[in-house]
C-alpha atoms as a PDB file:
ATOM      1  CA  MET A   1      22.798  -3.011  -5.384  1.00  0.00           C
ATOM      2  CA  SER A   2      20.887  -6.232  -4.732  1.00  0.00           C
ATOM      3  CA  SER A   3      17.285  -5.793  -3.738  1.00  0.00           C
ATOM      4  CA  THR A   4      17.534  -9.090  -1.418  1.00  0.00           C
ATOM      5  CA  LEU A   5      19.444  -9.667   1.671  1.00  0.00           C
ATOM      6  CA  LYS A   6      20.450 -13.141   1.915  1.00  0.00           C
ATOM      7  CA  LEU A   7      20.715 -14.237   5.574  1.00  0.00           C
ATOM      8  CA  ALA A   8      22.148 -17.089   7.441  1.00  0.00           C
ATOM      9  CA  PHE A   9      20.425 -18.054  10.896  1.00  0.00           C
ATOM     10  CA  VAL A  10      23.419 -18.817  13.122  1.00  0.00           C
ATOM     11  CA  GLY A  11      21.315 -20.827  15.844  1.00  0.00           C
ATOM     12  CA  CYS A  12      18.085 -22.439  15.321  1.00  0.00           C
ATOM     13  CA  GLY A  13      16.523 -22.322  18.791  1.00  0.00           C
ATOM     14  CA  ALA A  14      13.425 -20.712  20.291  1.00  0.00           C
ATOM     15  CA  ILE A  15      14.345 -17.176  19.417  1.00  0.00           C
ATOM     16  CA  ALA A  16      14.720 -18.200  15.652  1.00  0.00           C
ATOM     17  CA  ARG A  17      11.030 -18.831  15.253  1.00  0.00           C
ATOM     18  CA  TYR A  18      10.292 -15.111  16.359  1.00  0.00           C
ATOM     19  CA  HIS A  19      12.858 -13.931  14.006  1.00  0.00           C
ATOM     20  CA  LEU A  20      11.620 -16.078  11.066  1.00  0.00           C
ATOM     21  CA  ASP A  21       8.047 -14.939  11.558  1.00  0.00           C
ATOM     22  CA  GLY A  22       9.032 -11.445  11.504  1.00  0.00           C
ATOM     23  CA  ILE A  23      10.694 -11.839   8.387  1.00  0.00           C
ATOM     24  CA  LEU A  24       7.594 -13.579   6.717  1.00  0.00           C
ATOM     25  CA  GLU A  25       5.380 -10.946   7.871  1.00  0.00           C
ATOM     26  CA  HIS A  26       7.430  -7.641   7.533  1.00  0.00           C
ATOM     27  CA  ALA A  27      10.692  -8.003   5.904  1.00  0.00           C
ATOM     28  CA  PRO A  28      10.069  -9.421   2.331  1.00  0.00           C
ATOM     29  CA  SER A  29      13.590  -8.254   1.219  1.00  0.00           C
ATOM     30  CA  VAL A  30      15.111 -10.875   3.402  1.00  0.00           C
ATOM     31  CA  GLN A  31      15.750 -14.329   2.286  1.00  0.00           C
ATOM     32  CA  VAL A  32      17.028 -16.973   4.697  1.00  0.00           C
ATOM     33  CA  THR A  33      19.527 -18.931   2.581  1.00  0.00           C
ATOM     34  CA  ALA A  34      21.472 -20.790   5.423  1.00  0.00           C
ATOM     35  CA  ALA A  35      20.541 -22.480   8.654  1.00  0.00           C
ATOM     36  CA  ILE A  36      23.214 -23.189  11.094  1.00  0.00           C
ATOM     37  CA  ASP A  37      23.171 -25.307  14.243  1.00  0.00           C
ATOM     38  CA  LEU A  38      25.248 -27.934  15.867  1.00  0.00           C
ATOM     39  CA  ASP A  39      22.035 -29.783  16.241  1.00  0.00           C
ATOM     40  CA  ARG A  40      21.595 -30.870  12.715  1.00  0.00           C
ATOM     41  CA  GLU A  41      17.971 -31.571  12.911  1.00  0.00           C
ATOM     42  CA  LYS A  42      17.138 -28.200  14.259  1.00  0.00           C
ATOM     43  CA  ALA A  43      19.056 -26.496  10.978  1.00  0.00           C
ATOM     44  CA  GLU A  44      17.208 -28.980   8.479  1.00  0.00           C
ATOM     45  CA  ALA A  45      13.888 -28.004   9.957  1.00  0.00           C
ATOM     46  CA  TYR A  46      14.602 -24.216   9.276  1.00  0.00           C
ATOM     47  CA  ALA A  47      16.064 -25.154   5.971  1.00  0.00           C
ATOM     48  CA  ALA A  48      13.151 -27.223   5.064  1.00  0.00           C
ATOM     49  CA  GLU A  49      10.869 -24.363   5.852  1.00  0.00           C
ATOM     50  CA  THR A  50      12.856 -21.639   4.073  1.00  0.00           C
ATOM     51  CA  GLY A  51      14.697 -23.309   1.131  1.00  0.00           C
ATOM     52  CA  ALA A  52      17.795 -22.435   2.927  1.00  0.00           C
ATOM     53  CA  GLU A  53      20.885 -24.935   3.166  1.00  0.00           C
ATOM     54  CA  ALA A  54      21.461 -26.396   6.490  1.00  0.00           C
ATOM     55  CA  PHE A  55      24.949 -26.591   8.078  1.00  0.00           C
ATOM     56  CA  SER A  56      26.088 -27.902  11.348  1.00  0.00           C
ATOM     57  CA  SER A  57      28.997 -25.747  11.614  1.00  0.00           C
ATOM     58  CA  LEU A  58      29.779 -22.024  11.163  1.00  0.00           C
ATOM     59  CA  GLU A  59      33.071 -22.783   9.515  1.00  0.00           C
ATOM     60  CA  GLU A  60      31.414 -25.053   6.759  1.00  0.00           C
ATOM     61  CA  ALA A  61      28.641 -22.395   6.206  1.00  0.00           C
ATOM     62  CA  LEU A  62      31.256 -19.621   5.776  1.00  0.00           C
ATOM     63  CA  GLU A  63      33.087 -21.682   3.379  1.00  0.00           C
ATOM     64  CA  LYS A  64      30.310 -23.004   1.192  1.00  0.00           C
ATOM     65  CA  GLY A  65      27.187 -21.172   2.036  1.00  0.00           C
ATOM     66  CA  ASP A  66      25.642 -18.248  -0.069  1.00  0.00           C
ATOM     67  CA  PHE A  67      24.689 -15.366   2.309  1.00  0.00           C
ATOM     68  CA  ASP A  68      25.752 -11.890   2.882  1.00  0.00           C
ATOM     69  CA  ALA A  69      24.644 -11.302   6.494  1.00  0.00           C
ATOM     70  CA  VAL A  70      24.298 -13.469   9.645  1.00  0.00           C
ATOM     71  CA  ASP A  71      21.594 -13.162  12.308  1.00  0.00           C
ATOM     72  CA  ILE A  72      23.460 -14.550  15.555  1.00  0.00           C
ATOM     73  CA  LEU A  73      21.049 -16.374  17.853  1.00  0.00           C
ATOM     74  CA  LEU A  74      23.095 -18.140  20.381  1.00  0.00           C
ATOM     75  CA  PRO A  75      23.820 -18.097  23.988  1.00  0.00           C
ATOM     76  CA  HIS A  76      25.392 -14.793  25.273  1.00  0.00           C
ATOM     77  CA  ASP A  77      28.887 -16.448  25.995  1.00  0.00           C
ATOM     78  CA  LEU A  78      29.337 -17.299  22.384  1.00  0.00           C
ATOM     79  CA  HIS A  79      28.474 -13.768  20.882  1.00  0.00           C
ATOM     80  CA  GLU A  80      32.107 -12.328  21.014  1.00  0.00           C
ATOM     81  CA  ARG A  81      33.806 -15.616  19.166  1.00  0.00           C
ATOM     82  CA  VAL A  82      30.804 -16.007  16.617  1.00  0.00           C
ATOM     83  CA  ALA A  83      30.648 -12.066  15.834  1.00  0.00           C
ATOM     84  CA  CYS A  84      34.269 -11.603  15.239  1.00  0.00           C
ATOM     85  CA  GLN A  85      34.484 -14.711  13.107  1.00  0.00           C
ATOM     86  CA  CYS A  86      31.710 -13.310  10.869  1.00  0.00           C
ATOM     87  CA  PHE A  87      33.206  -9.779  10.677  1.00  0.00           C
ATOM     88  CA  GLU A  88      36.627 -11.450   9.716  1.00  0.00           C
ATOM     89  CA  ALA A  89      34.705 -12.947   6.847  1.00  0.00           C
ATOM     90  CA  GLY A  90      33.217  -9.725   5.665  1.00  0.00           C
ATOM     91  CA  LYS A  91      29.612 -10.262   6.728  1.00  0.00           C
ATOM     92  CA  HIS A  92      27.003  -7.961   7.961  1.00  0.00           C
ATOM     93  CA  VAL A  93      26.093  -8.955  11.415  1.00  0.00           C
ATOM     94  CA  LEU A  94      22.821  -8.776  13.553  1.00  0.00           C
ATOM     95  CA  LEU A  95      23.464  -9.933  17.036  1.00  0.00           C
ATOM     96  CA  GLU A  96      21.210 -10.926  19.615  1.00  0.00           C
ATOM     97  CA  LYS A  97      21.178  -9.127  22.876  1.00  0.00           C
ATOM     98  CA  PRO A  98      23.227  -8.494  25.085  1.00  0.00           C
ATOM     99  CA  MET A  99      26.028  -7.864  22.694  1.00  0.00           C
ATOM    100  CA  ALA A 100      28.335  -9.676  25.116  1.00  0.00           C
ATOM    101  CA  THR A 101      28.523 -10.287  28.910  1.00  0.00           C
ATOM    102  CA  THR A 102      31.451  -8.041  29.637  1.00  0.00           C
ATOM    103  CA  LEU A 103      32.357  -4.277  28.363  1.00  0.00           C
ATOM    104  CA  ASP A 104      35.627  -5.642  27.388  1.00  0.00           C
ATOM    105  CA  ALA A 105      34.281  -8.135  24.960  1.00  0.00           C
ATOM    106  CA  CYS A 106      31.723  -5.526  23.696  1.00  0.00           C
ATOM    107  CA  GLU A 107      34.754  -3.280  22.758  1.00  0.00           C
ATOM    108  CA  ARG A 108      36.568  -5.996  21.137  1.00  0.00           C
ATOM    109  CA  ILE A 109      33.255  -6.877  18.962  1.00  0.00           C
ATOM    110  CA  LEU A 110      32.975  -3.283  17.977  1.00  0.00           C
ATOM    111  CA  GLU A 111      36.395  -2.853  16.840  1.00  0.00           C
ATOM    112  CA  ALA A 112      35.917  -6.050  14.752  1.00  0.00           C
ATOM    113  CA  ALA A 113      33.016  -4.198  13.345  1.00  0.00           C
ATOM    114  CA  ARG A 114      34.709  -1.287  12.697  1.00  0.00           C
ATOM    115  CA  ALA A 115      37.501  -3.100  10.987  1.00  0.00           C
ATOM    116  CA  ALA A 116      35.176  -5.122   8.671  1.00  0.00           C
ATOM    117  CA  GLY A 117      33.294  -1.972   7.641  1.00  0.00           C
ATOM    118  CA  THR A 118      30.033  -3.721   7.376  1.00  0.00           C
ATOM    119  CA  VAL A 119      26.713  -3.075   9.121  1.00  0.00           C
ATOM    120  CA  PHE A 120      26.456  -4.225  12.684  1.00  0.00           C
ATOM    121  CA  MET A 121      23.197  -4.106  14.783  1.00  0.00           C
ATOM    122  CA  VAL A 122      22.333  -5.520  18.154  1.00  0.00           C
ATOM    123  CA  ALA A 123      18.874  -6.973  18.302  1.00  0.00           C
ATOM    124  CA  GLU A 124      17.009  -5.055  21.079  1.00  0.00           C
ATOM    125  CA  ASN A 125      13.485  -5.696  19.703  1.00  0.00           C
ATOM    126  CA  SER A 126      11.911  -3.424  22.405  1.00  0.00           C
ATOM    127  CA  GLN A 127      13.076  -0.642  20.255  1.00  0.00           C
ATOM    128  CA  TYR A 128      10.189  -1.719  17.667  1.00  0.00           C
ATOM    129  CA  TRP A 129       7.575  -3.070  20.117  1.00  0.00           C
ATOM    130  CA  PRO A 130       4.365  -1.388  18.814  1.00  0.00           C
ATOM    131  CA  GLU A 131       3.179  -0.419  22.148  1.00  0.00           C
ATOM    132  CA  ILE A 132       6.550   0.808  23.121  1.00  0.00           C
ATOM    133  CA  VAL A 133       6.782   2.935  20.014  1.00  0.00           C
ATOM    134  CA  LYS A 134       3.191   4.255  20.415  1.00  0.00           C
ATOM    135  CA  ALA A 135       4.057   5.283  24.173  1.00  0.00           C
ATOM    136  CA  GLN A 136       7.036   7.155  22.707  1.00  0.00           C
ATOM    137  CA  GLU A 137       4.914   8.979  20.334  1.00  0.00           C
ATOM    138  CA  MET A 138       2.132   9.851  22.998  1.00  0.00           C
ATOM    139  CA  ILE A 139       4.938  11.168  25.280  1.00  0.00           C
ATOM    140  CA  GLU A 140       6.459  13.389  22.385  1.00  0.00           C
ATOM    141  CA  ALA A 141       2.941  14.550  21.656  1.00  0.00           C
ATOM    142  CA  GLY A 142       2.615  15.808  25.453  1.00  0.00           C
ATOM    143  CA  ALA A 143      -0.381  13.453  26.158  1.00  0.00           C
ATOM    144  CA  ILE A 144       0.850  13.111  29.739  1.00  0.00           C
ATOM    145  CA  GLY A 145       2.563  16.219  30.207  1.00  0.00           C
ATOM    146  CA  GLU A 146       6.131  16.092  31.657  1.00  0.00           C
ATOM    147  CA  ILE A 147       7.041  12.574  32.943  1.00  0.00           C
ATOM    148  CA  ILE A 148       7.409  12.353  36.662  1.00  0.00           C
ATOM    149  CA  THR A 149       8.521   8.791  37.028  1.00  0.00           C
ATOM    150  CA  ALA A 150       7.776   5.121  35.591  1.00  0.00           C
ATOM    151  CA  ARG A 151       7.934   1.654  36.465  1.00  0.00           C
ATOM    152  CA  ALA A 152       8.923  -1.370  34.256  1.00  0.00           C
ATOM    153  CA  ALA A 153       7.842  -4.526  35.751  1.00  0.00           C
ATOM    154  CA  PHE A 154       9.174  -7.792  34.106  1.00  0.00           C
ATOM    155  CA  ILE A 155       7.040  -9.908  35.941  1.00  0.00           C
ATOM    156  CA  TYR A 156       6.748 -13.287  34.076  1.00  0.00           C
ATOM    157  CA  GLU A 157       5.562 -16.818  34.874  1.00  0.00           C
ATOM    158  CA  PHE A 158       8.335 -19.518  34.424  1.00  0.00           C
ATOM    159  CA  ASP A 159       7.707 -20.789  30.860  1.00  0.00           C
ATOM    160  CA  GLU A 160       9.253 -24.014  29.733  1.00  0.00           C
ATOM    161  CA  TYR A 161       9.140 -22.760  25.997  1.00  0.00           C
ATOM    162  CA  TRP A 162      12.563 -20.993  26.831  1.00  0.00           C
ATOM    163  CA  PHE A 163      13.872 -23.835  28.832  1.00  0.00           C
ATOM    164  CA  LYS A 164      13.566 -26.753  26.473  1.00  0.00           C
ATOM    165  CA  GLU A 165      16.854 -28.343  26.478  1.00  0.00           C
ATOM    166  CA  GLU A 166      17.980 -30.980  29.336  1.00  0.00           C
ATOM    167  CA  ARG A 167      20.282 -28.336  30.862  1.00  0.00           C
ATOM    168  CA  PRO A 168      18.735 -24.997  29.318  1.00  0.00           C
ATOM    169  CA  TRP A 169      21.843 -22.518  28.798  1.00  0.00           C
ATOM    170  CA  ARG A 170      19.563 -19.748  30.350  1.00  0.00           C
ATOM    171  CA  TYR A 171      20.050 -21.643  34.085  1.00  0.00           C
ATOM    172  CA  ASN A 172      23.849 -21.024  33.591  1.00  0.00           C
ATOM    173  CA  ARG A 173      25.287 -17.939  34.905  1.00  0.00           C
ATOM    174  CA  GLU A 174      28.563 -18.431  33.026  1.00  0.00           C
ATOM    175  CA  GLN A 175      26.698 -18.543  29.719  1.00  0.00           C
ATOM    176  CA  THR A 176      24.316 -15.647  30.379  1.00  0.00           C
ATOM    177  CA  GLY A 177      26.334 -13.497  32.302  1.00  0.00           C
ATOM    178  CA  GLY A 178      23.869 -13.242  35.176  1.00  0.00           C
ATOM    179  CA  GLY A 179      20.134 -13.953  35.304  1.00  0.00           C
ATOM    180  CA  ILE A 180      16.935 -12.337  34.133  1.00  0.00           C
ATOM    181  CA  THR A 181      18.363  -8.759  34.383  1.00  0.00           C
ATOM    182  CA  ILE A 182      20.993  -9.106  31.783  1.00  0.00           C
ATOM    183  CA  ASP A 183      18.933 -11.480  29.807  1.00  0.00           C
ATOM    184  CA  GLY A 184      14.913 -10.310  29.188  1.00  0.00           C
ATOM    185  CA  GLY A 185      15.390  -7.598  31.501  1.00  0.00           C
ATOM    186  CA  SER A 186      16.949  -5.606  28.679  1.00  0.00           C
ATOM    187  CA  HIS A 187      13.632  -5.414  26.973  1.00  0.00           C
ATOM    188  CA  TRP A 188      12.196  -3.499  29.894  1.00  0.00           C
ATOM    189  CA  ILE A 189      15.284  -0.953  30.539  1.00  0.00           C
ATOM    190  CA  ARG A 190      15.679  -0.046  26.978  1.00  0.00           C
ATOM    191  CA  PRO A 191      11.932   1.528  26.888  1.00  0.00           C
ATOM    192  CA  LEU A 192      12.796   3.435  30.071  1.00  0.00           C
ATOM    193  CA  ARG A 193      15.880   4.890  28.518  1.00  0.00           C
ATOM    194  CA  MET A 194      13.858   5.676  25.363  1.00  0.00           C
ATOM    195  CA  TRP A 195      11.285   7.607  27.513  1.00  0.00           C
ATOM    196  CA  MET A 196      13.377   9.095  30.203  1.00  0.00           C
ATOM    197  CA  GLY A 197      16.845   9.492  28.833  1.00  0.00           C
ATOM    198  CA  GLU A 198      20.098   8.123  30.074  1.00  0.00           C
ATOM    199  CA  ILE A 199      20.376   6.110  33.323  1.00  0.00           C
ATOM    200  CA  ASP A 200      22.938   7.545  35.794  1.00  0.00           C
ATOM    201  CA  SER A 201      23.015   5.205  38.635  1.00  0.00           C
ATOM    202  CA  VAL A 202      21.125   2.248  40.456  1.00  0.00           C
ATOM    203  CA  VAL A 203      20.505   0.711  43.820  1.00  0.00           C
ATOM    204  CA  SER A 204      19.134  -2.795  43.887  1.00  0.00           C
ATOM    205  CA  VAL A 205      18.609  -6.190  45.537  1.00  0.00           C
ATOM    206  CA  LEU A 206      18.644  -9.589  44.048  1.00  0.00           C
ATOM    207  CA  GLY A 207      16.904 -12.981  44.918  1.00  0.00           C
ATOM    208  CA  HIS A 208      17.017 -16.479  43.689  1.00  0.00           C
ATOM    209  CA  PRO A 209      13.563 -17.951  43.908  1.00  0.00           C
ATOM    210  CA  LEU A 210      13.662 -20.057  40.996  1.00  0.00           C
ATOM    211  CA  LYS A 211      16.108 -22.597  42.290  1.00  0.00           C
ATOM    212  CA  GLN A 212      17.171 -24.216  38.995  1.00  0.00           C
ATOM    213  CA  MET A 213      18.506 -21.090  37.697  1.00  0.00           C
ATOM    214  CA  ASP A 214      22.088 -19.883  38.845  1.00  0.00           C
ATOM    215  CA  GLY A 215      21.579 -16.336  38.197  1.00  0.00           C
ATOM    216  CA  GLU A 216      18.991 -14.046  39.790  1.00  0.00           C
ATOM    217  CA  SER A 217      15.326 -14.613  38.966  1.00  0.00           C
ATOM    218  CA  LEU A 218      14.147 -11.535  41.261  1.00  0.00           C
ATOM    219  CA  THR A 219      15.395  -8.043  40.842  1.00  0.00           C
ATOM    220  CA  ARG A 220      14.257  -4.842  42.596  1.00  0.00           C
ATOM    221  CA  ALA A 221      16.112  -1.890  41.406  1.00  0.00           C
ATOM    222  CA  LEU A 222      15.534   1.863  41.601  1.00  0.00           C
ATOM    223  CA  LEU A 223      16.912   3.623  38.579  1.00  0.00           C
ATOM    224  CA  ARG A 224      18.186   7.361  38.815  1.00  0.00           C
ATOM    225  CA  PHE A 225      18.406   9.007  35.379  1.00  0.00           C
ATOM    226  CA  GLU A 226      20.600  11.966  34.378  1.00  0.00           C
ATOM    227  CA  SER A 227      17.710  14.305  34.734  1.00  0.00           C
ATOM    228  CA  GLY A 228      17.487  13.460  38.462  1.00  0.00           C
ATOM    229  CA  LYS A 229      14.112  11.602  37.838  1.00  0.00           C
ATOM    230  CA  THR A 230      13.732   7.998  38.920  1.00  0.00           C
ATOM    231  CA  ALA A 231      12.019   4.978  37.834  1.00  0.00           C
ATOM    232  CA  ILE A 232      11.416   1.271  39.238  1.00  0.00           C
ATOM    233  CA  PHE A 233      12.802  -1.620  37.479  1.00  0.00           C
ATOM    234  CA  ASP A 234      11.118  -4.951  38.674  1.00  0.00           C
ATOM    235  CA  ALA A 235      11.948  -8.400  37.286  1.00  0.00           C
ATOM    236  CA  MET A 236      10.836 -11.800  38.598  1.00  0.00           C
ATOM    237  CA  MET A 237      10.295 -15.181  36.958  1.00  0.00           C
ATOM    238  CA  ILE A 238       8.775 -17.753  39.548  1.00  0.00           C
ATOM    239  CA  ASP A 239       6.964 -21.037  38.880  1.00  0.00           C
ATOM    240  CA  THR A 240       3.833 -19.718  40.065  1.00  0.00           C
ATOM    241  CA  VAL A 241       0.792 -17.514  38.916  1.00  0.00           C
ATOM    242  CA  PHE A 242       0.956 -13.794  39.097  1.00  0.00           C
ATOM    243  CA  ALA A 243      -2.239 -11.312  39.301  1.00  0.00           C
ATOM    244  CA  PRO A 244      -2.569  -8.901  36.513  1.00  0.00           C
ATOM    245  CA  ASP A 245      -0.103  -5.946  36.801  1.00  0.00           C
ATOM    246  CA  PRO A 246       0.932  -3.436  34.010  1.00  0.00           C
ATOM    247  CA  TRP A 247       4.389  -4.274  32.551  1.00  0.00           C
ATOM    248  CA  TRP A 248       4.861  -0.557  32.093  1.00  0.00           C
ATOM    249  CA  ARG A 249       3.368   2.467  33.898  1.00  0.00           C
ATOM    250  CA  ILE A 250       4.513   6.018  32.889  1.00  0.00           C
ATOM    251  CA  THR A 251       3.401   8.852  35.269  1.00  0.00           C
ATOM    252  CA  GLY A 252       3.199  12.277  33.856  1.00  0.00           C
ATOM    253  CA  THR A 253       1.690  15.671  35.049  1.00  0.00           C
ATOM    254  CA  LYS A 254      -1.446  15.407  33.052  1.00  0.00           C
ATOM    255  CA  GLY A 255      -1.981  11.585  33.193  1.00  0.00           C
ATOM    256  CA  GLU A 256      -0.557   7.896  32.886  1.00  0.00           C
ATOM    257  CA  LEU A 257       0.182   5.511  30.239  1.00  0.00           C
ATOM    258  CA  THR A 258       0.037   2.006  30.934  1.00  0.00           C
ATOM    259  CA  ILE A 259       1.221  -1.145  28.825  1.00  0.00           C
ATOM    260  CA  ASP A 260      -0.715  -4.119  29.962  1.00  0.00           C
ATOM    261  CA  THR A 261       0.723  -7.376  31.190  1.00  0.00           C
ATOM    262  CA  GLY A 262       1.432 -10.289  28.776  1.00  0.00           C
ATOM    263  CA  PHE A 263       3.083 -10.291  25.490  1.00  0.00           C
ATOM    264  CA  PHE A 264       0.041  -9.053  23.611  1.00  0.00           C
ATOM    265  CA  GLY A 265      -0.967  -6.517  26.073  1.00  0.00           C
ATOM    266  CA  GLY A 266      -2.295  -3.159  24.751  1.00  0.00           C
ATOM    267  CA  ILE A 267      -1.573   0.572  25.550  1.00  0.00           C
ATOM    268  CA  LYS A 268      -4.013   2.840  27.532  1.00  0.00           C
ATOM    269  CA  LEU A 269      -4.200   6.570  28.395  1.00  0.00           C
ATOM    270  CA  TYR A 270      -5.483   7.652  31.736  1.00  0.00           C
ATOM    271  CA  ASP A 271      -6.155  11.364  32.034  1.00  0.00           C
ATOM    272  CA  PRO A 272      -9.184  13.571  33.218  1.00  0.00           C
ATOM    273  CA  GLU A 273     -10.974  12.993  30.090  1.00  0.00           C
ATOM    274  CA  HIS A 274     -10.327   9.074  30.147  1.00  0.00           C
ATOM    275  CA  ARG A 275     -10.515   7.924  33.899  1.00  0.00           C
ATOM    276  CA  GLU A 276     -11.439   4.503  32.908  1.00  0.00           C
ATOM    277  CA  GLY A 277      -8.559   4.512  30.405  1.00  0.00           C
ATOM    278  CA  LYS A 278      -8.607   4.908  26.636  1.00  0.00           C
ATOM    279  CA  LEU A 279      -7.262   2.153  24.402  1.00  0.00           C
ATOM    280  CA  LEU A 280      -4.832   3.761  22.156  1.00  0.00           C
ATOM    281  CA  MET A 281      -4.576   1.031  19.555  1.00  0.00           C
ATOM    282  CA  GLU A 282      -5.464  -2.506  19.070  1.00  0.00           C
ATOM    283  CA  PRO A 283      -3.070  -4.762  20.900  1.00  0.00           C
ATOM    284  CA  LYS A 284      -0.235  -5.974  18.807  1.00  0.00           C
ATOM    285  CA  GLY A 285       2.537  -6.960  21.240  1.00  0.00           C
ATOM    286  CA  TYR A 286       5.913  -8.375  21.611  1.00  0.00           C
ATOM    287  CA  PRO A 287       5.970 -10.716  18.636  1.00  0.00           C
ATOM    288  CA  GLN A 288       5.307  -7.747  16.179  1.00  0.00           C
ATOM    289  CA  SER A 289       8.624  -6.189  17.193  1.00  0.00           C
ATOM    290  CA  PHE A 290      10.545  -8.573  15.221  1.00  0.00           C
ATOM    291  CA  GLY A 291       9.559  -7.750  11.837  1.00  0.00           C
ATOM    292  CA  PRO A 292      10.314  -3.953  11.987  1.00  0.00           C
ATOM    293  CA  GLU A 293      13.744  -4.945  13.598  1.00  0.00           C
ATOM    294  CA  LEU A 294      14.851  -7.148  10.598  1.00  0.00           C
ATOM    295  CA  ALA A 295      13.258  -4.937   8.236  1.00  0.00           C
ATOM    296  CA  ASP A 296      15.544  -2.030   9.702  1.00  0.00           C
ATOM    297  CA  PHE A 297      18.557  -4.235   9.526  1.00  0.00           C
ATOM    298  CA  ALA A 298      17.848  -5.173   5.702  1.00  0.00           C
ATOM    299  CA  SER A 299      17.310  -1.559   4.852  1.00  0.00           C
ATOM    300  CA  ALA A 300      20.691  -0.521   6.454  1.00  0.00           C
ATOM    301  CA  VAL A 301      22.634  -3.298   4.488  1.00  0.00           C
ATOM    302  CA  LEU A 302      20.559  -2.778   1.178  1.00  0.00           C
ATOM    303  CA  ASP A 303      19.942   1.146   1.134  1.00  0.00           C
ATOM    304  CA  GLY A 304      22.504   2.343   3.526  1.00  0.00           C
ATOM    305  CA  THR A 305      19.976   3.748   5.874  1.00  0.00           C
ATOM    306  CA  PRO A 306      20.776   4.807   9.464  1.00  0.00           C
ATOM    307  CA  LEU A 307      19.657   2.058  11.836  1.00  0.00           C
ATOM    308  CA  ARG A 308      17.193   3.251  14.365  1.00  0.00           C
ATOM    309  CA  ALA A 309      19.468   2.570  17.155  1.00  0.00           C
ATOM    310  CA  GLY A 310      23.162   1.760  16.489  1.00  0.00           C
ATOM    311  CA  PRO A 311      25.073  -1.164  18.436  1.00  0.00           C
ATOM    312  CA  GLU A 312      26.459   1.215  21.070  1.00  0.00           C
ATOM    313  CA  GLU A 313      22.984   2.025  22.276  1.00  0.00           C
ATOM    314  CA  SER A 314      22.914  -1.358  23.619  1.00  0.00           C
ATOM    315  CA  LEU A 315      25.668  -0.845  25.992  1.00  0.00           C
ATOM    316  CA  GLY A 316      23.115   1.121  28.153  1.00  0.00           C
ATOM    317  CA  GLU A 317      21.150  -2.075  28.866  1.00  0.00           C
ATOM    318  CA  LEU A 318      24.374  -3.991  29.642  1.00  0.00           C
ATOM    319  CA  ARG A 319      25.870  -1.252  31.945  1.00  0.00           C
ATOM    320  CA  THR A 320      22.620  -1.003  33.653  1.00  0.00           C
ATOM    321  CA  ALA A 321      22.589  -4.576  34.286  1.00  0.00           C
ATOM    322  CA  LEU A 322      26.114  -4.723  35.437  1.00  0.00           C
ATOM    323  CA  ALA A 323      25.548  -1.653  37.887  1.00  0.00           C
ATOM    324  CA  ILE A 324      22.379  -3.717  39.383  1.00  0.00           C
ATOM    325  CA  TYR A 325      24.808  -6.662  40.085  1.00  0.00           C
ATOM    326  CA  ARG A 326      27.423  -4.347  41.861  1.00  0.00           C
ATOM    327  CA  SER A 327      24.906  -2.699  43.758  1.00  0.00           C
ATOM    328  CA  ALA A 328      23.326  -5.794  45.004  1.00  0.00           C
ATOM    329  CA  GLU A 329      26.665  -6.697  46.376  1.00  0.00           C
ATOM    330  CA  SER A 330      27.883  -3.500  47.811  1.00  0.00           C
ATOM    331  CA  GLY A 331      24.381  -2.296  49.184  1.00  0.00           C
ATOM    332  CA  ASN A 332      25.149   1.153  47.666  1.00  0.00           C
ATOM    333  CA  TRP A 333      24.112   3.320  44.707  1.00  0.00           C
ATOM    334  CA  GLU A 334      26.320   2.319  41.688  1.00  0.00           C
ATOM    335  CA  PRO A 335      27.013   4.325  38.649  1.00  0.00           C
ATOM    336  CA  VAL A 336      26.105   3.122  35.183  1.00  0.00           C
ATOM    337  CA  TRP A 337      28.621   4.741  33.011  1.00  0.00           C
ATOM    338  CA  ASP A 338      31.649   5.769  35.327  1.00  0.00           C
ATOM    339  CA  ARG A 339      32.988   2.140  35.329  1.00  0.00           C
ATOM    340  CA  ALA A 340      35.344   0.853  32.537  1.00  0.00           C
END
């Protein structure tokens, strides 16, 4: 068994930077040996940095490249075709979230993965976000007692870093499958599921204040869990300035946990002994989630260790997003798991 995972980047856009930094910092067993992008200059830039071979097509890379696994970093509407093509070639697959934009497409991807018999992981990096993981530990330790409710607030000022292209794909509803709920919103929904269990149903409204985006840039939703408890999911991306507001607030019978706004926000405990808030660890933030994610994938491939969260887990975020979209149309509570 090899001690090194040879990995191909399929797509060399903005998110590839986070994945490569994570590899360099936390996943020494991973070697990027192929960089693939229709924009040859992007592929060559990553190749120059990593020593990989650059390709301008997946077909050429699968024919000539030297890699055992792929990291698919492409717009959502390309996930099914590219993932299935890689499974057919016998590759291990790490696929950026969401798995696909429809449940039917997800089932076809899962079937292709089962047929290939290789490792398949959906890259929901909030599973490894240090502050999220610390909150899980504190909840399990009883630090805030029994959870009463929570709020996840994906409130993010419009950032051109993610919209560099002349016509960014994230503006296009056909490519994303929706708007911010199905895209970045998944990073806020997964932690709620980690902390409070499975989501049963949702009721929501949507808005479109960011006019250049086809999909929604404002979501207000109430999530009801199988336990009967509820949480708020807020998502908003507007070209304005927001006041500070915790990205997560978890309220329990003995106190609260908050994770501060910003990609480098820290986690604090508020209880009778710490009414001003106790910082539970030095802020690490969102960028520090990618290294453990890539290391988990590499360990599953190289050592056969179970993934922290299998690919089916990501269906919870997708189903929640689709239920939010249905609710915005119907004006009613919509089930998360009862629909095909």
